[in-house]
Amino acid sequence: MALILTMLMAPSCPRRVTAAGRAAARPAPRRYRRCMLSLATLLASERELATGDGETYRRTMRADALFVLPGMVLDAEGCARAMDVSPGWDGVALTDAQLLPVGEDAASVVYTFEGRRGQEVYRATMASTYVEEDGRAVLVLHQQTPLGAAGRRSQE
């Protein structure tokens, strides 16, 4: 009986959730159901970053955040400065998203990104890890892997 009570009272393990709603059999901790680290919230943040400028990044990321990009690693301010001079995308799509909780106060979102700028299309698999701080999702690590020929192709 004590073993059964212990099992019932023990916190559930976090589960991986996909955009289609598929998940492991065990439910996520109750805290995840009401925190800022939901799939919808993190995808909204990623979309805002993809279409934003350096100030958008400064508001969303932690000061010690890192960005692992093809051929380089940028610190938070280096990334924000790069976004300040970026021409931006004409359109973006975030698909095939998955959420991976990483403890009670952190989660990663992984998705396929497609950005269009004129005739140029960039596709990559992206992964971002967020922590919950002061009731909001804060970006701490972002990584991208280009798909195809370095992720770039012309639209014809």
Protein backbone atom coordinates (compact mmCIF):
# COMPACT_ATOMS: atom_id res chain seq x y z
CA MET A 1 0.00 0.00 0.00
CA ALA A 2 2.83 2.45 0.88
CA LEU A 3 4.43 1.77 -2.50
CA ILE A 4 1.18 2.52 -4.31
CA LEU A 5 0.72 5.79 -2.39
CA THR A 6 4.31 6.79 -3.12
CA MET A 7 3.76 6.15 -6.82
CA LEU A 8 0.52 8.13 -6.83
CA MET A 9 2.04 11.08 -4.98
CA ALA A 10 5.31 11.21 -6.95
CA PRO A 11 5.44 13.93 -9.61
CA SER A 12 4.87 12.72 -13.16
CA CYS A 13 7.72 12.85 -15.64
CA PRO A 14 7.57 15.57 -18.28
CA ARG A 15 6.46 14.37 -21.69
CA ARG A 16 7.40 15.30 -25.21
CA VAL A 17 4.50 16.92 -27.07
CA THR A 18 4.24 17.44 -30.81
CA ALA A 19 2.23 20.05 -32.67
CA ALA A 20 -0.14 17.26 -33.71
CA GLY A 21 -0.75 16.52 -30.03
CA ARG A 22 1.05 13.18 -29.88
CA ALA A 23 2.65 12.53 -26.52
CA ALA A 24 4.15 9.87 -24.31
CA ALA A 25 1.83 7.96 -21.98
CA ARG A 26 2.82 9.83 -18.81
CA PRO A 27 1.32 13.30 -18.31
CA ALA A 28 3.44 16.40 -17.89
CA PRO A 29 3.69 17.87 -14.39
CA ARG A 30 0.78 20.11 -13.44
CA ARG A 31 3.18 23.07 -13.43
CA TYR A 32 3.76 22.65 -17.19
CA ARG A 33 0.07 22.97 -17.89
CA ARG A 34 0.02 26.53 -16.58
CA CYS A 35 3.53 27.88 -17.17
CA MET A 36 4.90 29.97 -20.01
CA LEU A 37 6.70 27.02 -21.62
CA SER A 38 3.88 25.61 -23.74
CA LEU A 39 4.40 24.71 -27.39
CA ALA A 40 2.10 27.55 -28.49
CA THR A 41 3.90 30.14 -26.36
CA LEU A 42 7.38 29.12 -27.49
CA LEU A 43 6.37 29.01 -31.16
CA ALA A 44 4.87 32.50 -30.82
CA SER A 45 8.17 33.68 -29.34
CA GLU A 46 10.15 32.02 -32.15
CA ARG A 47 7.90 33.65 -34.78
CA GLU A 48 8.35 37.05 -33.12
CA LEU A 49 12.13 36.58 -33.11
CA ALA A 50 12.16 35.44 -36.76
CA THR A 51 10.38 38.62 -37.83
CA GLY A 52 11.89 40.98 -35.25
CA ASP A 53 14.97 43.13 -34.89
CA GLY A 54 17.79 43.25 -32.36
CA GLU A 55 15.57 44.86 -29.73
CA THR A 56 13.14 41.95 -30.02
CA TYR A 57 16.03 39.61 -29.22
CA ARG A 58 17.23 41.76 -26.32
CA ARG A 59 13.73 41.58 -24.76
CA THR A 60 13.40 37.82 -25.27
CA MET A 61 16.83 36.37 -24.47
CA ARG A 62 18.90 36.13 -21.34
CA ALA A 63 22.13 38.16 -21.30
CA ASP A 64 24.24 34.97 -21.38
CA ALA A 65 22.30 33.32 -24.25
CA LEU A 66 24.21 31.58 -27.02
CA PHE A 67 23.35 31.15 -30.70
CA VAL A 68 24.90 28.19 -32.52
CA LEU A 69 24.75 29.05 -36.21
CA PRO A 70 26.38 27.49 -39.28
CA GLY A 71 30.12 28.14 -38.86
CA MET A 72 29.87 30.31 -35.74
CA VAL A 73 28.66 30.79 -32.19
CA LEU A 74 27.32 34.23 -31.22
CA ASP A 75 26.72 35.61 -27.76
CA ALA A 76 23.51 37.45 -26.96
CA GLU A 77 24.66 40.94 -27.90
CA GLY A 78 26.44 39.71 -31.03
CA CYS A 79 23.19 38.11 -32.18
CA ALA A 80 21.15 41.24 -31.38
CA ARG A 81 23.61 43.41 -33.35
CA ALA A 82 23.42 41.04 -36.31
CA MET A 83 19.62 41.24 -36.24
CA ASP A 84 19.79 45.04 -36.12
CA VAL A 85 21.41 45.03 -39.59
CA SER A 86 19.52 42.05 -41.05
CA PRO A 87 17.13 42.88 -43.90
CA GLY A 88 14.47 40.57 -42.39
CA TRP A 89 12.26 38.00 -44.04
CA ASP A 90 9.36 38.63 -46.40
CA GLY A 91 7.62 35.60 -44.90
CA VAL A 92 8.33 32.77 -42.48
CA ALA A 93 6.84 29.35 -41.74
CA LEU A 94 7.48 27.24 -38.63
CA THR A 95 6.37 23.62 -39.09
CA ASP A 96 6.79 20.14 -37.59
CA ALA A 97 7.16 21.62 -34.10
CA GLN A 98 7.88 19.53 -31.03
CA LEU A 99 8.16 20.51 -27.39
CA LEU A 100 10.61 18.79 -25.06
CA PRO A 101 10.26 19.80 -21.39
CA VAL A 102 13.65 19.85 -19.65
CA GLY A 103 12.77 19.92 -15.96
CA GLU A 104 10.21 22.11 -14.23
CA ASP A 105 11.45 25.48 -15.50
CA ALA A 106 12.92 24.77 -18.94
CA ALA A 107 11.80 23.45 -22.31
CA SER A 108 13.15 23.14 -25.82
CA VAL A 109 11.18 23.66 -29.01
CA VAL A 110 12.40 22.02 -32.23
CA TYR A 111 10.89 22.85 -35.62
CA THR A 112 11.51 23.30 -39.33
CA PHE A 113 11.99 26.94 -40.34
CA GLU A 114 11.44 28.37 -43.80
CA GLY A 115 12.15 32.02 -44.47
CA ARG A 116 11.58 33.82 -47.75
CA ARG A 117 13.39 36.98 -48.85
CA GLY A 118 12.69 37.90 -52.47
CA GLN A 119 13.51 34.82 -54.56
CA GLU A 120 15.70 33.33 -51.82
CA VAL A 121 14.38 30.60 -49.50
CA TYR A 122 16.23 29.45 -46.37
CA ARG A 123 15.25 26.18 -44.68
CA ALA A 124 16.68 24.86 -41.44
CA THR A 125 15.93 22.67 -38.48
CA MET A 126 15.94 24.94 -35.45
CA ALA A 127 16.06 24.23 -31.74
CA SER A 128 15.62 26.79 -28.98
CA THR A 129 15.76 26.26 -25.24
CA TYR A 130 13.86 28.54 -22.91
CA VAL A 131 13.71 28.90 -19.15
CA GLU A 132 10.86 30.39 -17.20
CA GLU A 133 12.01 33.45 -15.27
CA ASP A 134 9.65 35.86 -13.51
CA GLY A 135 6.63 34.32 -15.24
CA ARG A 136 7.94 34.64 -18.79
CA ALA A 137 9.78 32.47 -21.29
CA VAL A 138 13.42 33.56 -21.71
CA LEU A 139 15.61 32.23 -24.53
CA VAL A 140 18.96 30.79 -23.40
CA LEU A 141 20.17 28.68 -26.34
CA HIS A 142 19.35 28.59 -30.06
CA GLN A 143 20.80 26.26 -32.68
CA GLN A 144 20.10 25.90 -36.39
CA THR A 145 21.05 23.31 -38.98
CA PRO A 146 20.48 24.29 -42.63
CA LEU A 147 18.54 21.79 -44.75
CA GLY A 148 19.62 20.96 -48.29
CA ALA A 149 22.33 22.95 -50.05
CA ALA A 150 23.22 24.98 -46.95
CA GLY A 151 19.50 25.62 -46.56
CA ARG A 152 19.36 28.12 -49.41
CA ARG A 153 17.64 27.85 -52.75
CA SER A 154 16.09 30.22 -55.26
CA GLN A 155 12.37 30.12 -55.75
CA GLU A 156 11.42 29.69 -59.38
